[in-house]
N, C-alpha and C. Protein backbone atom coordinates (compact mmCIF):
# COMPACT_ATOMS: atom_id res chain seq x y z
N MET A 1 -0.62 1.34 -4.66
CA MET A 1 0.31 2.44 -4.84
C MET A 1 1.16 2.57 -3.58
N LEU A 2 2.40 2.92 -3.76
CA LEU A 2 3.30 3.12 -2.63
C LEU A 2 2.82 4.27 -1.77
N PRO A 3 2.92 4.12 -0.45
CA PRO A 3 2.49 5.22 0.42
C PRO A 3 3.35 6.47 0.28
N SER A 4 4.56 6.31 -0.24
CA SER A 4 5.43 7.47 -0.37
C SER A 4 5.16 8.27 -1.65
N VAL A 5 4.24 7.82 -2.49
CA VAL A 5 3.86 8.58 -3.69
C VAL A 5 2.89 9.67 -3.25
N LEU A 6 3.24 10.90 -3.59
CA LEU A 6 2.41 12.04 -3.20
C LEU A 6 1.48 12.43 -4.33
N ARG A 7 0.22 12.65 -4.00
CA ARG A 7 -0.74 13.15 -4.97
C ARG A 7 -0.73 14.67 -4.90
N LEU A 8 -0.50 15.28 -6.05
CA LEU A 8 -0.49 16.75 -6.13
C LEU A 8 -1.66 17.20 -6.97
N ALA A 9 -2.20 18.35 -6.61
CA ALA A 9 -3.31 18.94 -7.37
C ALA A 9 -3.08 20.43 -7.47
N PRO A 10 -3.34 21.02 -8.65
CA PRO A 10 -3.22 22.47 -8.79
C PRO A 10 -4.32 23.16 -7.98
N ILE A 11 -3.98 24.30 -7.40
CA ILE A 11 -4.96 25.10 -6.67
C ILE A 11 -5.01 26.48 -7.28
N SER A 12 -6.06 27.21 -6.99
CA SER A 12 -6.20 28.54 -7.59
C SER A 12 -5.09 29.46 -7.09
N GLN A 13 -4.62 30.30 -7.97
CA GLN A 13 -3.48 31.17 -7.66
C GLN A 13 -3.75 32.10 -6.48
N GLY A 14 -4.98 32.58 -6.33
CA GLY A 14 -5.26 33.55 -5.28
C GLY A 14 -5.39 32.95 -3.90
N SER A 15 -5.60 31.63 -3.78
CA SER A 15 -5.85 31.04 -2.47
C SER A 15 -4.59 30.94 -1.62
N VAL A 16 -3.48 30.63 -2.24
CA VAL A 16 -2.22 30.50 -1.51
C VAL A 16 -1.11 31.07 -2.37
N PRO A 17 -0.28 31.95 -1.80
CA PRO A 17 0.84 32.44 -2.61
C PRO A 17 1.85 31.31 -2.81
N PRO A 18 2.33 31.11 -4.03
CA PRO A 18 3.29 30.03 -4.26
C PRO A 18 4.58 30.30 -3.51
N PHE A 19 4.98 29.34 -2.70
CA PHE A 19 6.18 29.51 -1.91
C PHE A 19 7.40 29.03 -2.68
N SER A 20 7.16 28.18 -3.66
CA SER A 20 8.26 27.64 -4.43
C SER A 20 7.77 27.29 -5.83
N GLN A 21 8.63 27.43 -6.78
CA GLN A 21 8.29 27.06 -8.14
C GLN A 21 8.66 25.59 -8.35
N LEU A 22 7.68 24.81 -8.72
CA LEU A 22 7.91 23.41 -9.03
C LEU A 22 7.50 23.21 -10.47
N ASP A 23 8.49 23.24 -11.36
CA ASP A 23 8.23 23.08 -12.78
C ASP A 23 8.60 21.66 -13.16
N LEU A 24 7.59 20.86 -13.47
CA LEU A 24 7.83 19.46 -13.80
C LEU A 24 8.17 19.25 -15.27
N ARG A 25 7.89 20.23 -16.09
CA ARG A 25 8.15 20.10 -17.53
C ARG A 25 9.54 20.61 -17.88
N GLY A 26 10.26 19.82 -18.61
CA GLY A 26 11.54 20.27 -19.12
C GLY A 26 12.66 20.31 -18.10
N SER A 27 12.44 19.83 -16.91
CA SER A 27 13.49 19.84 -15.90
C SER A 27 14.35 18.58 -16.04
N PRO A 28 15.67 18.72 -16.04
CA PRO A 28 16.51 17.52 -16.16
C PRO A 28 16.41 16.60 -14.94
N GLU A 29 15.91 17.11 -13.81
CA GLU A 29 15.77 16.30 -12.61
C GLU A 29 14.46 15.54 -12.56
N THR A 30 13.61 15.72 -13.56
CA THR A 30 12.27 15.14 -13.54
C THR A 30 12.06 14.15 -14.67
N GLU A 31 11.54 12.99 -14.31
CA GLU A 31 11.10 12.02 -15.30
C GLU A 31 9.58 12.04 -15.25
N LEU A 32 8.94 12.34 -16.36
CA LEU A 32 7.50 12.54 -16.41
C LEU A 32 6.88 11.56 -17.39
N ARG A 33 5.83 10.85 -16.92
CA ARG A 33 5.17 9.87 -17.79
C ARG A 33 3.66 9.99 -17.66
N ARG A 34 2.98 9.80 -18.76
CA ARG A 34 1.52 9.80 -18.80
C ARG A 34 1.05 8.37 -18.61
N ALA A 35 0.03 8.17 -17.77
CA ALA A 35 -0.55 6.85 -17.53
C ALA A 35 -2.07 6.98 -17.49
N SER A 36 -2.74 5.86 -17.34
CA SER A 36 -4.21 5.89 -17.35
C SER A 36 -4.77 6.63 -16.13
N ASP A 37 -4.03 6.66 -15.03
CA ASP A 37 -4.52 7.34 -13.83
C ASP A 37 -4.00 8.76 -13.67
N GLY A 38 -3.26 9.26 -14.64
CA GLY A 38 -2.76 10.62 -14.57
C GLY A 38 -1.31 10.71 -14.99
N TRP A 39 -0.62 11.71 -14.46
CA TRP A 39 0.80 11.94 -14.75
C TRP A 39 1.63 11.47 -13.57
N HIS A 40 2.64 10.66 -13.84
CA HIS A 40 3.56 10.20 -12.82
C HIS A 40 4.89 10.93 -13.01
N ALA A 41 5.39 11.49 -11.93
CA ALA A 41 6.66 12.21 -11.99
C ALA A 41 7.60 11.63 -10.95
N VAL A 42 8.84 11.43 -11.37
CA VAL A 42 9.91 11.05 -10.46
C VAL A 42 10.87 12.23 -10.47
N LEU A 43 10.99 12.87 -9.33
CA LEU A 43 11.74 14.12 -9.21
C LEU A 43 12.97 13.88 -8.34
N GLN A 44 14.13 14.19 -8.88
CA GLN A 44 15.39 14.12 -8.12
C GLN A 44 15.66 15.52 -7.60
N LEU A 45 15.52 15.70 -6.30
CA LEU A 45 15.67 17.03 -5.73
C LEU A 45 16.17 16.92 -4.30
N GLY A 46 17.17 17.70 -3.97
CA GLY A 46 17.68 17.72 -2.61
C GLY A 46 18.36 16.43 -2.19
N GLY A 47 18.89 15.70 -3.16
CA GLY A 47 19.57 14.45 -2.83
C GLY A 47 18.62 13.30 -2.55
N ALA A 48 17.35 13.45 -2.89
CA ALA A 48 16.36 12.40 -2.66
C ALA A 48 15.49 12.23 -3.89
N THR A 49 14.83 11.10 -3.97
CA THR A 49 13.89 10.82 -5.04
C THR A 49 12.48 11.01 -4.52
N HIS A 50 11.70 11.83 -5.20
CA HIS A 50 10.32 12.10 -4.82
C HIS A 50 9.43 11.58 -5.93
N ARG A 51 8.41 10.81 -5.55
CA ARG A 51 7.47 10.25 -6.52
C ARG A 51 6.14 10.98 -6.38
N LEU A 52 5.64 11.50 -7.51
CA LEU A 52 4.45 12.33 -7.50
C LEU A 52 3.42 11.78 -8.48
N LEU A 53 2.14 12.01 -8.17
CA LEU A 53 1.04 11.64 -9.05
C LEU A 53 0.14 12.86 -9.19
N LEU A 54 -0.15 13.22 -10.43
CA LEU A 54 -1.01 14.37 -10.72
C LEU A 54 -2.12 13.90 -11.65
N SER A 55 -3.36 14.31 -11.37
CA SER A 55 -4.46 13.92 -12.25
C SER A 55 -4.32 14.60 -13.61
N ARG A 56 -3.79 15.83 -13.60
CA ARG A 56 -3.51 16.54 -14.85
C ARG A 56 -2.24 17.35 -14.66
N LEU A 57 -1.59 17.62 -15.73
CA LEU A 57 -0.34 18.37 -15.68
C LEU A 57 -0.64 19.84 -15.47
N PRO A 58 -0.10 20.46 -14.42
CA PRO A 58 -0.41 21.87 -14.15
C PRO A 58 0.32 22.80 -15.11
N ALA A 59 -0.20 24.00 -15.22
CA ALA A 59 0.45 25.04 -16.02
C ALA A 59 1.74 25.46 -15.33
N ARG A 60 2.64 26.02 -16.10
CA ARG A 60 3.90 26.49 -15.52
C ARG A 60 3.64 27.54 -14.44
N GLY A 61 4.28 27.40 -13.31
CA GLY A 61 4.13 28.36 -12.22
C GLY A 61 2.86 28.21 -11.41
N ALA A 62 2.09 27.17 -11.68
CA ALA A 62 0.83 26.97 -10.93
C ALA A 62 1.13 26.56 -9.50
N ALA A 63 0.30 27.03 -8.59
CA ALA A 63 0.43 26.62 -7.19
C ALA A 63 -0.12 25.20 -7.05
N LEU A 64 0.57 24.39 -6.27
CA LEU A 64 0.18 22.99 -6.09
C LEU A 64 -0.06 22.69 -4.62
N ALA A 65 -0.94 21.74 -4.39
CA ALA A 65 -1.22 21.28 -3.03
C ALA A 65 -1.00 19.77 -2.98
N VAL A 66 -0.58 19.29 -1.84
CA VAL A 66 -0.41 17.86 -1.62
C VAL A 66 -1.69 17.34 -0.97
N GLU A 67 -2.24 16.28 -1.54
CA GLU A 67 -3.42 15.65 -0.95
C GLU A 67 -2.95 14.60 0.05
N LEU A 68 -3.40 14.73 1.29
CA LEU A 68 -3.03 13.79 2.34
C LEU A 68 -4.28 13.13 2.91
N PRO A 69 -4.68 11.98 2.37
CA PRO A 69 -5.86 11.31 2.90
C PRO A 69 -5.62 10.81 4.32
N LEU A 70 -6.64 10.88 5.12
CA LEU A 70 -6.54 10.41 6.51
C LEU A 70 -6.78 8.90 6.52
N ASP A 71 -5.76 8.18 6.07
CA ASP A 71 -5.84 6.72 6.03
C ASP A 71 -4.68 6.13 6.81
N ARG A 72 -4.48 4.84 6.70
CA ARG A 72 -3.45 4.17 7.49
C ARG A 72 -2.03 4.55 7.07
N ASP A 73 -1.86 5.15 5.89
CA ASP A 73 -0.54 5.57 5.43
C ASP A 73 -0.30 7.05 5.64
N PHE A 74 -1.14 7.70 6.43
CA PHE A 74 -1.03 9.14 6.63
C PHE A 74 0.35 9.54 7.16
N ASP A 75 0.87 8.81 8.13
CA ASP A 75 2.18 9.17 8.69
C ASP A 75 3.29 9.06 7.65
N LEU A 76 3.24 8.05 6.79
CA LEU A 76 4.25 7.91 5.74
C LEU A 76 4.13 9.02 4.71
N GLN A 77 2.91 9.37 4.37
CA GLN A 77 2.72 10.41 3.38
C GLN A 77 3.09 11.80 3.91
N THR A 78 2.84 12.04 5.19
CA THR A 78 3.26 13.34 5.73
C THR A 78 4.78 13.45 5.75
N ARG A 79 5.46 12.35 6.03
CA ARG A 79 6.93 12.38 5.99
C ARG A 79 7.43 12.61 4.57
N ALA A 80 6.79 11.97 3.58
CA ALA A 80 7.17 12.17 2.19
C ALA A 80 6.90 13.62 1.77
N ALA A 81 5.77 14.16 2.20
CA ALA A 81 5.45 15.56 1.88
C ALA A 81 6.46 16.50 2.54
N TYR A 82 6.86 16.20 3.75
CA TYR A 82 7.84 17.05 4.43
C TYR A 82 9.19 16.99 3.71
N ARG A 83 9.60 15.80 3.25
CA ARG A 83 10.86 15.69 2.50
C ARG A 83 10.80 16.52 1.22
N LEU A 84 9.65 16.49 0.52
CA LEU A 84 9.51 17.29 -0.70
C LEU A 84 9.55 18.78 -0.36
N TRP A 85 8.82 19.18 0.66
CA TRP A 85 8.80 20.59 1.07
C TRP A 85 10.20 21.06 1.45
N THR A 86 10.93 20.23 2.17
CA THR A 86 12.30 20.58 2.57
C THR A 86 13.19 20.71 1.35
N ALA A 87 13.05 19.80 0.40
CA ALA A 87 13.87 19.87 -0.82
C ALA A 87 13.53 21.10 -1.64
N LEU A 88 12.26 21.49 -1.69
CA LEU A 88 11.86 22.67 -2.46
C LEU A 88 12.41 23.95 -1.86
N ARG A 89 12.55 24.00 -0.56
CA ARG A 89 13.10 25.22 0.05
C ARG A 89 14.62 25.11 0.20
N ARG A 90 15.18 24.10 -0.46
CA ARG A 90 16.63 23.89 -0.53
C ARG A 90 17.27 23.58 0.83
N GLY A 91 16.53 22.96 1.69
CA GLY A 91 17.09 22.57 2.99
C GLY A 91 17.63 21.16 2.93
N PRO A 92 18.44 20.79 3.92
CA PRO A 92 18.97 19.42 3.93
C PRO A 92 17.87 18.43 4.30
N ILE A 93 17.84 17.33 3.57
CA ILE A 93 16.86 16.29 3.84
C ILE A 93 17.49 15.28 4.78
N ARG A 94 16.84 15.07 5.88
CA ARG A 94 17.34 14.09 6.84
C ARG A 94 16.65 12.76 6.57
N LEU A 95 17.46 11.74 6.39
CA LEU A 95 16.90 10.41 6.18
C LEU A 95 16.44 9.85 7.51
N PRO A 96 15.39 9.06 7.51
CA PRO A 96 14.91 8.50 8.77
C PRO A 96 15.94 7.59 9.41
N ALA A 97 16.01 7.66 10.73
CA ALA A 97 16.96 6.83 11.47
C ALA A 97 16.35 5.49 11.84
N GLN A 98 15.22 5.15 11.23
CA GLN A 98 14.53 3.92 11.56
C GLN A 98 15.00 2.77 10.68
N THR A 99 16.26 2.47 10.70
CA THR A 99 16.75 1.37 9.88
C THR A 99 16.56 0.04 10.59
N GLY A 100 16.31 0.06 11.86
CA GLY A 100 16.04 -1.16 12.60
C GLY A 100 17.31 -1.81 13.11
N PRO A 101 17.15 -2.64 14.11
CA PRO A 101 18.31 -3.34 14.66
C PRO A 101 18.93 -4.29 13.63
N ILE A 102 20.21 -4.56 13.79
CA ILE A 102 20.93 -5.43 12.87
C ILE A 102 20.30 -6.81 12.81
N GLN A 103 19.90 -7.36 13.96
CA GLN A 103 19.30 -8.70 13.97
C GLN A 103 18.00 -8.72 13.17
N GLN A 104 17.21 -7.66 13.26
CA GLN A 104 15.96 -7.61 12.51
C GLN A 104 16.25 -7.56 11.01
N ARG A 105 17.23 -6.77 10.61
CA ARG A 105 17.58 -6.70 9.19
C ARG A 105 18.10 -8.04 8.68
N GLN A 106 18.92 -8.72 9.49
CA GLN A 106 19.43 -10.03 9.08
C GLN A 106 18.29 -11.04 8.95
N ARG A 107 17.32 -10.99 9.85
CA ARG A 107 16.18 -11.91 9.78
C ARG A 107 15.33 -11.63 8.54
N LEU A 108 15.17 -10.37 8.21
CA LEU A 108 14.40 -10.03 7.00
C LEU A 108 15.09 -10.56 5.74
N VAL A 109 16.39 -10.45 5.70
CA VAL A 109 17.14 -10.97 4.55
C VAL A 109 16.98 -12.49 4.48
N LEU A 110 17.12 -13.16 5.62
CA LEU A 110 16.93 -14.61 5.64
C LEU A 110 15.52 -15.00 5.23
N ALA A 111 14.53 -14.25 5.69
CA ALA A 111 13.14 -14.56 5.36
C ALA A 111 12.90 -14.46 3.86
N LEU A 112 13.42 -13.42 3.24
CA LEU A 112 13.23 -13.26 1.80
C LEU A 112 14.00 -14.32 1.02
N ARG A 113 15.18 -14.67 1.46
CA ARG A 113 15.94 -15.73 0.80
C ARG A 113 15.23 -17.07 0.94
N ALA A 114 14.69 -17.34 2.14
CA ALA A 114 13.97 -18.60 2.38
C ALA A 114 12.73 -18.66 1.49
N PHE A 115 12.01 -17.57 1.40
CA PHE A 115 10.81 -17.54 0.57
C PHE A 115 11.17 -17.73 -0.90
N ASP A 116 12.26 -17.10 -1.35
CA ASP A 116 12.70 -17.28 -2.74
C ASP A 116 12.98 -18.76 -3.02
N GLY A 117 13.63 -19.43 -2.07
CA GLY A 117 13.91 -20.86 -2.24
C GLY A 117 12.64 -21.67 -2.34
N ARG A 118 11.65 -21.34 -1.53
CA ARG A 118 10.39 -22.07 -1.55
C ARG A 118 9.64 -21.83 -2.87
N VAL A 119 9.68 -20.59 -3.36
CA VAL A 119 9.05 -20.28 -4.65
C VAL A 119 9.73 -21.06 -5.77
N GLU A 120 11.03 -21.28 -5.64
CA GLU A 120 11.78 -22.04 -6.65
C GLU A 120 11.53 -23.54 -6.54
N GLY A 121 10.73 -23.96 -5.55
CA GLY A 121 10.37 -25.37 -5.43
C GLY A 121 11.26 -26.18 -4.50
N GLN A 122 12.10 -25.52 -3.75
CA GLN A 122 13.00 -26.23 -2.83
C GLN A 122 12.24 -26.66 -1.58
N ASN A 123 12.67 -27.79 -1.01
CA ASN A 123 12.07 -28.21 0.26
C ASN A 123 12.77 -27.51 1.41
N TYR A 124 12.19 -27.62 2.61
CA TYR A 124 12.73 -26.90 3.77
C TYR A 124 14.16 -27.31 4.10
N ARG A 125 14.48 -28.59 3.92
CA ARG A 125 15.83 -29.07 4.21
C ARG A 125 16.85 -28.41 3.30
N ALA A 126 16.54 -28.30 2.00
CA ALA A 126 17.47 -27.68 1.06
C ALA A 126 17.62 -26.19 1.37
N ILE A 127 16.53 -25.55 1.73
CA ILE A 127 16.58 -24.13 2.08
C ILE A 127 17.45 -23.93 3.32
N ALA A 128 17.25 -24.77 4.33
CA ALA A 128 18.04 -24.67 5.56
C ALA A 128 19.52 -24.90 5.28
N ALA A 129 19.84 -25.84 4.39
CA ALA A 129 21.24 -26.11 4.06
C ALA A 129 21.90 -24.89 3.43
N VAL A 130 21.15 -24.16 2.59
CA VAL A 130 21.71 -22.96 1.97
C VAL A 130 21.85 -21.83 2.99
N LEU A 131 20.83 -21.65 3.83
CA LEU A 131 20.84 -20.53 4.78
C LEU A 131 21.81 -20.74 5.93
N PHE A 132 21.86 -21.97 6.45
CA PHE A 132 22.61 -22.22 7.69
C PHE A 132 23.83 -23.13 7.50
N GLY A 133 24.02 -23.64 6.32
CA GLY A 133 25.15 -24.53 6.04
C GLY A 133 24.73 -25.99 6.11
N SER A 134 25.24 -26.77 5.18
CA SER A 134 24.84 -28.17 5.10
C SER A 134 25.33 -28.99 6.29
N THR A 135 26.40 -28.55 6.94
CA THR A 135 26.90 -29.31 8.09
C THR A 135 25.96 -29.23 9.28
N ARG A 136 25.18 -28.17 9.36
CA ARG A 136 24.23 -28.03 10.48
C ARG A 136 22.94 -28.80 10.25
N VAL A 137 22.68 -29.16 9.00
CA VAL A 137 21.47 -29.89 8.68
C VAL A 137 21.83 -31.38 8.60
N GLU A 138 21.46 -32.10 9.61
CA GLU A 138 21.82 -33.52 9.69
C GLU A 138 20.77 -34.38 9.01
N ASP A 139 21.16 -35.61 8.63
CA ASP A 139 20.20 -36.55 8.03
C ASP A 139 19.21 -37.06 9.06
N ARG A 140 19.66 -37.30 10.26
CA ARG A 140 18.77 -37.87 11.27
C ARG A 140 18.09 -36.77 12.07
N GLY A 141 16.89 -36.99 12.43
CA GLY A 141 16.17 -36.07 13.29
C GLY A 141 15.72 -34.78 12.64
N TRP A 142 15.53 -34.77 11.34
CA TRP A 142 15.15 -33.53 10.68
C TRP A 142 13.76 -33.06 11.09
N LYS A 143 12.84 -34.00 11.30
CA LYS A 143 11.47 -33.61 11.66
C LYS A 143 11.40 -32.85 12.97
N THR A 144 12.33 -33.08 13.87
CA THR A 144 12.33 -32.40 15.16
C THR A 144 13.48 -31.40 15.30
N HIS A 145 14.21 -31.19 14.23
CA HIS A 145 15.37 -30.29 14.27
C HIS A 145 14.90 -28.84 14.43
N ASP A 146 15.59 -28.07 15.24
CA ASP A 146 15.20 -26.67 15.45
C ASP A 146 15.35 -25.83 14.17
N LEU A 147 16.29 -26.19 13.30
CA LEU A 147 16.46 -25.44 12.06
C LEU A 147 15.28 -25.66 11.11
N ARG A 148 14.61 -26.81 11.21
CA ARG A 148 13.43 -27.04 10.38
C ARG A 148 12.33 -26.05 10.77
N SER A 149 12.07 -25.94 12.07
CA SER A 149 11.05 -24.99 12.53
C SER A 149 11.42 -23.56 12.18
N ARG A 150 12.67 -23.24 12.35
CA ARG A 150 13.13 -21.88 12.05
C ARG A 150 12.99 -21.58 10.56
N THR A 151 13.32 -22.56 9.71
CA THR A 151 13.21 -22.38 8.27
C THR A 151 11.75 -22.18 7.86
N ILE A 152 10.85 -22.96 8.44
CA ILE A 152 9.42 -22.81 8.13
C ILE A 152 8.93 -21.42 8.53
N ARG A 153 9.34 -20.96 9.71
CA ARG A 153 8.93 -19.62 10.15
C ARG A 153 9.51 -18.53 9.23
N LEU A 154 10.75 -18.73 8.77
CA LEU A 154 11.36 -17.75 7.85
C LEU A 154 10.61 -17.71 6.52
N VAL A 155 10.22 -18.87 6.00
CA VAL A 155 9.46 -18.90 4.75
C VAL A 155 8.13 -18.18 4.95
N GLN A 156 7.47 -18.43 6.07
CA GLN A 156 6.19 -17.77 6.35
C GLN A 156 6.36 -16.26 6.48
N ALA A 157 7.44 -15.84 7.13
CA ALA A 157 7.71 -14.40 7.28
C ALA A 157 7.99 -13.76 5.92
N GLY A 158 8.75 -14.44 5.07
CA GLY A 158 9.03 -13.94 3.73
C GLY A 158 7.77 -13.83 2.90
N GLN A 159 6.90 -14.81 3.04
CA GLN A 159 5.62 -14.78 2.32
C GLN A 159 4.78 -13.59 2.78
N ALA A 160 4.74 -13.35 4.10
CA ALA A 160 3.98 -12.21 4.63
C ALA A 160 4.55 -10.89 4.11
N LEU A 161 5.88 -10.79 4.02
CA LEU A 161 6.50 -9.57 3.49
C LEU A 161 6.12 -9.33 2.04
N THR A 162 6.12 -10.38 1.24
CA THR A 162 5.81 -10.21 -0.17
C THR A 162 4.33 -9.96 -0.41
N ARG A 163 3.49 -10.25 0.55
CA ARG A 163 2.06 -9.98 0.42
C ARG A 163 1.69 -8.61 0.97
N GLY A 164 2.64 -7.74 1.14
CA GLY A 164 2.35 -6.38 1.59
C GLY A 164 2.81 -6.09 3.00
N GLY A 165 3.32 -7.07 3.71
CA GLY A 165 3.78 -6.85 5.07
C GLY A 165 5.00 -5.96 5.17
N TYR A 166 5.72 -5.78 4.05
CA TYR A 166 6.88 -4.90 4.05
C TYR A 166 6.50 -3.47 4.42
N ARG A 167 5.25 -3.11 4.17
CA ARG A 167 4.81 -1.74 4.51
C ARG A 167 4.85 -1.50 6.01
N ASN A 168 4.65 -2.55 6.79
CA ASN A 168 4.72 -2.41 8.25
C ASN A 168 6.11 -1.98 8.70
N LEU A 169 7.13 -2.30 7.92
CA LEU A 169 8.49 -1.88 8.25
C LEU A 169 8.64 -0.37 8.14
N LEU A 170 7.84 0.24 7.27
CA LEU A 170 7.93 1.68 7.05
C LEU A 170 7.14 2.48 8.08
N ARG A 171 6.15 1.86 8.65
CA ARG A 171 5.31 2.57 9.61
C ARG A 171 6.08 2.82 10.90
N SER A 172 5.82 3.95 11.51
CA SER A 172 6.49 4.26 12.76
C SER A 172 5.93 3.38 13.87
N GLN A 173 6.80 2.96 14.73
CA GLN A 173 6.40 2.14 15.86
C GLN A 173 5.90 3.06 16.98
N ARG A 174 4.65 2.92 17.33
CA ARG A 174 4.07 3.72 18.40
C ARG A 174 4.30 3.01 19.72
N ARG A 175 4.84 3.71 20.66
CA ARG A 175 5.08 3.13 21.99
C ARG A 175 4.16 3.78 22.98
N SER A 176 3.50 2.96 23.75
CA SER A 176 2.61 3.51 24.76
C SER A 176 3.42 3.89 26.00
N ALA A 177 3.13 5.05 26.54
CA ALA A 177 3.90 5.55 27.69
C ALA A 177 3.27 5.11 28.98
């Protein structure tokens, strides 16, 4: 499951006064589906898309709580919960400024393209010719060519991304002081 999917659970009315009405039924901004693991809701609110999972559909006007497990995705889920809370109180949602440096984004695109080529059965030379241009890929010296090594590393990086490594891009980078 995506770390940005929030698990919601109804809570007793007396424990917490409802700060906001979240009516998932009949709202034009909500897409609601029943699945084997509960109810999945995609809510368009505050200019953002919020993905929710509920074990059961709450009654209208029921108070809801967000479940935040203390796991490796805790930071992502707290940010998703904060975006939902901000949207419910009608505040502006700020998108994260962690888009990454341009070079990193370009390398990620190359890695995914290289991996797609490998999945399609292309050899490293053909992949390199598409990514870097056929004029840069010479007939002689391919085994020791720097583009060969770079292409292999890009395919490996793309494979790591498709095996779940893309989630590391979402995690905040902790810097030691």
